[in-house]
Amino acid sequence: MKKYFVICAAFCAALAMTGCKSSESAYKKAYEKAKAQETTQPVETQQAPVNVVAPVETKTVSETRVVDNLDNVQVRQENYSLVSGSGLKNFSVVVGSFSVLANAEGLQAQLKDKGYDAQIVKNESRNMYRVVAATFDSKSEATASRNDFRAKYPDAWLLAK
């Protein structure tokens, strides 16, 4: 009795699986029907797309605002605490981020050997140690310094107080 039940269940499952499969001929018929409808559609109902052009606004020279590239420089603000160093100004150039303090101290030592006043700060929320190569009062000085550091440290970025 148990064998009979298992055989019937397997047969029903196999029958159900093969009955759901769609055939290629059904797809072919649907494709041909769509093609026939497309060719019988009158040409007048098919319209070419219309290009929309926005009007040109003219401004006098006195109204045109020149924006220097310094306004577009991305500056990241984080909550941090000074781990080692003399203190940070408003804008700092970060050249390395580490989760291990010893790695940050190694990069700080390399920078100090090259004559930079390198410092380490810690971002508590991300548990990351940031190595600051230089710190400045103005954004323009920090941006120029960051661009110089990117020759050796391509991922250098600005940190704001």
C-alpha atoms as a PDB file:
ATOM      1  CA  MET A   1       0.000   0.000   0.000  1.00  0.00           C
ATOM      2  CA  LYS A   2       2.835   2.350   0.866  1.00  0.00           C
ATOM      3  CA  LYS A   3       4.598   1.563  -2.423  1.00  0.00           C
ATOM      4  CA  TYR A   4       1.432   2.241  -4.381  1.00  0.00           C
ATOM      5  CA  PHE A   5       0.992   5.634  -2.683  1.00  0.00           C
ATOM      6  CA  VAL A   6       4.626   6.677  -3.351  1.00  0.00           C
ATOM      7  CA  ILE A   7       4.391   5.631  -7.014  1.00  0.00           C
ATOM      8  CA  CYS A   8       1.143   7.577  -7.474  1.00  0.00           C
ATOM      9  CA  ALA A   9       2.591  10.666  -5.819  1.00  0.00           C
ATOM     10  CA  ALA A  10       5.707  10.541  -8.045  1.00  0.00           C
ATOM     11  CA  PHE A  11       3.566  10.085 -11.158  1.00  0.00           C
ATOM     12  CA  CYS A  12       1.356  13.055 -10.209  1.00  0.00           C
ATOM     13  CA  ALA A  13       4.395  15.248  -9.520  1.00  0.00           C
ATOM     14  CA  ALA A  14       5.989  14.325 -12.863  1.00  0.00           C
ATOM     15  CA  LEU A  15       2.720  15.007 -14.664  1.00  0.00           C
ATOM     16  CA  ALA A  16       2.334  18.386 -12.939  1.00  0.00           C
ATOM     17  CA  MET A  17       5.893  19.440 -13.816  1.00  0.00           C
ATOM     18  CA  THR A  18       5.605  18.576 -17.500  1.00  0.00           C
ATOM     19  CA  GLY A  19       2.178  20.148 -17.874  1.00  0.00           C
ATOM     20  CA  CYS A  20       3.410  23.632 -16.854  1.00  0.00           C
ATOM     21  CA  LYS A  21       6.119  23.849 -19.491  1.00  0.00           C
ATOM     22  CA  SER A  22       5.351  26.283 -22.300  1.00  0.00           C
ATOM     23  CA  SER A  23       6.046  25.160 -25.803  1.00  0.00           C
ATOM     24  CA  GLU A  24       8.039  26.936 -28.479  1.00  0.00           C
ATOM     25  CA  SER A  25       5.067  26.909 -30.822  1.00  0.00           C
ATOM     26  CA  ALA A  26       3.032  29.062 -28.423  1.00  0.00           C
ATOM     27  CA  TYR A  27       5.780  31.699 -28.421  1.00  0.00           C
ATOM     28  CA  LYS A  28       5.996  31.533 -32.213  1.00  0.00           C
ATOM     29  CA  LYS A  29       2.227  32.042 -32.584  1.00  0.00           C
ATOM     30  CA  ALA A  30       2.276  35.060 -30.250  1.00  0.00           C
ATOM     31  CA  TYR A  31       5.194  36.570 -32.161  1.00  0.00           C
ATOM     32  CA  GLU A  32       3.469  36.125 -35.507  1.00  0.00           C
ATOM     33  CA  LYS A  33       0.241  37.664 -34.129  1.00  0.00           C
ATOM     34  CA  ALA A  34       2.138  40.730 -32.867  1.00  0.00           C
ATOM     35  CA  LYS A  35       3.912  41.133 -36.216  1.00  0.00           C
ATOM     36  CA  ALA A  36       0.574  40.932 -38.063  1.00  0.00           C
ATOM     37  CA  GLN A  37      -0.938  43.644 -35.835  1.00  0.00           C
ATOM     38  CA  GLU A  38       2.105  45.836 -36.358  1.00  0.00           C
ATOM     39  CA  THR A  39       1.925  45.654 -40.150  1.00  0.00           C
ATOM     40  CA  THR A  40      -1.847  46.259 -40.299  1.00  0.00           C
ATOM     41  CA  GLN A  41      -1.618  49.413 -38.186  1.00  0.00           C
ATOM     42  CA  PRO A  42      -2.102  52.541 -40.370  1.00  0.00           C
ATOM     43  CA  VAL A  43       0.944  54.737 -40.935  1.00  0.00           C
ATOM     44  CA  GLU A  44      -0.908  57.932 -39.934  1.00  0.00           C
ATOM     45  CA  THR A  45      -1.214  56.867 -36.278  1.00  0.00           C
ATOM     46  CA  GLN A  46       2.521  56.430 -35.933  1.00  0.00           C
ATOM     47  CA  GLN A  47       3.955  59.856 -35.123  1.00  0.00           C
ATOM     48  CA  ALA A  48       7.565  60.897 -35.152  1.00  0.00           C
ATOM     49  CA  PRO A  49       8.926  62.064 -31.792  1.00  0.00           C
ATOM     50  CA  VAL A  50       8.941  65.825 -31.308  1.00  0.00           C
ATOM     51  CA  ASN A  51      12.139  67.401 -30.015  1.00  0.00           C
ATOM     52  CA  VAL A  52      11.574  69.955 -27.266  1.00  0.00           C
ATOM     53  CA  VAL A  53      14.139  72.701 -26.929  1.00  0.00           C
ATOM     54  CA  ALA A  54      14.354  74.861 -23.832  1.00  0.00           C
ATOM     55  CA  PRO A  55      14.559  78.610 -24.403  1.00  0.00           C
ATOM     56  CA  VAL A  56      17.971  80.220 -24.056  1.00  0.00           C
ATOM     57  CA  GLU A  57      18.294  82.639 -21.174  1.00  0.00           C
ATOM     58  CA  THR A  58      20.612  85.550 -21.749  1.00  0.00           C
ATOM     59  CA  LYS A  59      22.392  87.281 -18.917  1.00  0.00           C
ATOM     60  CA  THR A  60      24.563  90.331 -18.808  1.00  0.00           C
ATOM     61  CA  VAL A  61      28.199  90.003 -17.823  1.00  0.00           C
ATOM     62  CA  SER A  62      27.580  91.573 -14.433  1.00  0.00           C
ATOM     63  CA  GLU A  63      25.037  88.845 -13.574  1.00  0.00           C
ATOM     64  CA  THR A  64      27.339  85.930 -14.389  1.00  0.00           C
ATOM     65  CA  ARG A  65      28.893  84.438 -11.267  1.00  0.00           C
ATOM     66  CA  VAL A  66      32.339  82.870 -11.519  1.00  0.00           C
ATOM     67  CA  VAL A  67      32.858  79.949  -9.182  1.00  0.00           C
ATOM     68  CA  ASP A  68      36.356  78.762  -8.467  1.00  0.00           C
ATOM     69  CA  ASN A  69      37.085  75.075  -8.099  1.00  0.00           C
ATOM     70  CA  LEU A  70      37.592  75.376  -4.347  1.00  0.00           C
ATOM     71  CA  ASP A  71      33.819  75.556  -3.805  1.00  0.00           C
ATOM     72  CA  ASN A  72      33.459  72.122  -5.374  1.00  0.00           C
ATOM     73  CA  VAL A  73      36.034  70.353  -3.195  1.00  0.00           C
ATOM     74  CA  GLN A  74      34.460  67.742  -0.975  1.00  0.00           C
ATOM     75  CA  VAL A  75      35.172  68.130   2.729  1.00  0.00           C
ATOM     76  CA  ARG A  76      34.181  65.436   5.194  1.00  0.00           C
ATOM     77  CA  GLN A  77      33.062  66.335   8.711  1.00  0.00           C
ATOM     78  CA  GLU A  78      33.479  63.768  11.443  1.00  0.00           C
ATOM     79  CA  ASN A  79      33.472  63.655  15.204  1.00  0.00           C
ATOM     80  CA  TYR A  80      36.997  62.821  16.241  1.00  0.00           C
ATOM     81  CA  SER A  81      39.403  63.082  19.131  1.00  0.00           C
ATOM     82  CA  LEU A  82      43.120  63.819  18.961  1.00  0.00           C
ATOM     83  CA  VAL A  83      45.238  60.753  19.797  1.00  0.00           C
ATOM     84  CA  SER A  84      48.714  62.149  19.178  1.00  0.00           C
ATOM     85  CA  GLY A  85      49.947  65.442  17.810  1.00  0.00           C
ATOM     86  CA  SER A  86      49.907  69.146  18.512  1.00  0.00           C
ATOM     87  CA  GLY A  87      46.303  69.918  17.547  1.00  0.00           C
ATOM     88  CA  LEU A  88      44.248  70.490  14.429  1.00  0.00           C
ATOM     89  CA  LYS A  89      43.098  73.656  12.690  1.00  0.00           C
ATOM     90  CA  ASN A  90      39.871  74.084  10.679  1.00  0.00           C
ATOM     91  CA  PHE A  91      40.853  71.944   7.652  1.00  0.00           C
ATOM     92  CA  SER A  92      43.128  68.895   7.669  1.00  0.00           C
ATOM     93  CA  VAL A  93      44.549  66.643   4.948  1.00  0.00           C
ATOM     94  CA  VAL A  94      44.019  62.968   5.787  1.00  0.00           C
ATOM     95  CA  VAL A  95      46.385  60.568   3.985  1.00  0.00           C
ATOM     96  CA  GLY A  96      45.539  57.308   5.733  1.00  0.00           C
ATOM     97  CA  SER A  97      42.790  55.574   7.722  1.00  0.00           C
ATOM     98  CA  PHE A  98      43.471  52.498   9.818  1.00  0.00           C
ATOM     99  CA  SER A  99      41.561  50.320  12.223  1.00  0.00           C
ATOM    100  CA  VAL A 100      44.785  49.432  14.075  1.00  0.00           C
ATOM    101  CA  LEU A 101      46.610  52.180  15.969  1.00  0.00           C
ATOM    102  CA  ALA A 102      50.051  50.665  15.273  1.00  0.00           C
ATOM    103  CA  ASN A 103      49.529  51.036  11.507  1.00  0.00           C
ATOM    104  CA  ALA A 104      48.530  54.675  11.931  1.00  0.00           C
ATOM    105  CA  GLU A 105      51.593  55.301  14.104  1.00  0.00           C
ATOM    106  CA  GLY A 106      53.811  53.751  11.403  1.00  0.00           C
ATOM    107  CA  LEU A 107      52.514  56.148   8.741  1.00  0.00           C
ATOM    108  CA  GLN A 108      52.789  59.049  11.189  1.00  0.00           C
ATOM    109  CA  ALA A 109      56.459  58.185  11.783  1.00  0.00           C
ATOM    110  CA  GLN A 110      57.134  58.066   8.015  1.00  0.00           C
ATOM    111  CA  LEU A 111      55.546  61.481   7.558  1.00  0.00           C
ATOM    112  CA  LYS A 112      57.464  62.970  10.498  1.00  0.00           C
ATOM    113  CA  ASP A 113      60.725  61.638   9.009  1.00  0.00           C
ATOM    114  CA  LYS A 114      59.881  63.601   5.830  1.00  0.00           C
ATOM    115  CA  GLY A 115      59.368  66.789   7.864  1.00  0.00           C
ATOM    116  CA  TYR A 116      55.573  66.919   8.171  1.00  0.00           C
ATOM    117  CA  ASP A 117      53.734  67.635  11.416  1.00  0.00           C
ATOM    118  CA  ALA A 118      51.695  64.422  11.195  1.00  0.00           C
ATOM    119  CA  GLN A 119      48.986  63.744  13.759  1.00  0.00           C
ATOM    120  CA  ILE A 120      46.560  60.940  14.558  1.00  0.00           C
ATOM    121  CA  VAL A 121      42.874  61.398  15.323  1.00  0.00           C
ATOM    122  CA  LYS A 122      40.289  58.732  16.113  1.00  0.00           C
ATOM    123  CA  ASN A 123      36.747  58.569  14.796  1.00  0.00           C
ATOM    124  CA  GLU A 124      34.932  56.752  17.612  1.00  0.00           C
ATOM    125  CA  SER A 125      31.761  56.005  15.633  1.00  0.00           C
ATOM    126  CA  ARG A 126      33.678  54.149  12.903  1.00  0.00           C
ATOM    127  CA  ASN A 127      36.528  52.979  15.134  1.00  0.00           C
ATOM    128  CA  MET A 128      39.090  54.322  12.649  1.00  0.00           C
ATOM    129  CA  TYR A 129      42.392  56.104  13.223  1.00  0.00           C
ATOM    130  CA  ARG A 130      42.982  58.934  10.718  1.00  0.00           C
ATOM    131  CA  VAL A 131      46.525  60.068   9.911  1.00  0.00           C
ATOM    132  CA  VAL A 132      46.562  63.823   9.271  1.00  0.00           C
ATOM    133  CA  ALA A 133      49.580  64.983   7.265  1.00  0.00           C
ATOM    134  CA  ALA A 134      48.927  68.733   7.436  1.00  0.00           C
ATOM    135  CA  THR A 135      46.362  71.095   8.930  1.00  0.00           C
ATOM    136  CA  PHE A 136      45.301  74.586   7.784  1.00  0.00           C
ATOM    137  CA  ASP A 137      43.013  77.474   8.702  1.00  0.00           C
ATOM    138  CA  SER A 138      41.734  78.053   5.152  1.00  0.00           C
ATOM    139  CA  LYS A 139      40.092  75.662   2.727  1.00  0.00           C
ATOM    140  CA  SER A 140      42.160  76.912  -0.221  1.00  0.00           C
ATOM    141  CA  GLU A 141      45.469  76.103   1.498  1.00  0.00           C
ATOM    142  CA  ALA A 142      44.183  72.679   2.528  1.00  0.00           C
ATOM    143  CA  THR A 143      42.986  71.938  -1.007  1.00  0.00           C
ATOM    144  CA  ALA A 144      46.341  72.877  -2.513  1.00  0.00           C
ATOM    145  CA  SER A 145      48.141  70.698   0.028  1.00  0.00           C
ATOM    146  CA  ARG A 146      45.757  67.786  -0.588  1.00  0.00           C
ATOM    147  CA  ASN A 147      46.427  68.030  -4.320  1.00  0.00           C
ATOM    148  CA  ASP A 148      50.182  67.854  -3.622  1.00  0.00           C
ATOM    149  CA  PHE A 149      49.766  64.847  -1.322  1.00  0.00           C
ATOM    150  CA  ARG A 150      47.686  62.993  -3.929  1.00  0.00           C
ATOM    151  CA  ALA A 151      50.855  62.398  -5.951  1.00  0.00           C
ATOM    152  CA  LYS A 152      52.029  59.942  -3.275  1.00  0.00           C
ATOM    153  CA  TYR A 153      48.733  59.249  -1.460  1.00  0.00           C
ATOM    154  CA  PRO A 154      45.988  59.089  -4.150  1.00  0.00           C
ATOM    155  CA  ASP A 155      43.177  58.704  -1.598  1.00  0.00           C
ATOM    156  CA  ALA A 156      44.031  61.866   0.367  1.00  0.00           C
ATOM    157  CA  TRP A 157      40.952  63.819   1.476  1.00  0.00           C
ATOM    158  CA  LEU A 158      39.945  66.846   3.530  1.00  0.00           C
ATOM    159  CA  LEU A 159      38.601  66.699   7.065  1.00  0.00           C
ATOM    160  CA  ALA A 160      36.818  69.693   8.574  1.00  0.00           C
ATOM    161  CA  LYS A 161      36.538  70.539  12.247  1.00  0.00           C
END
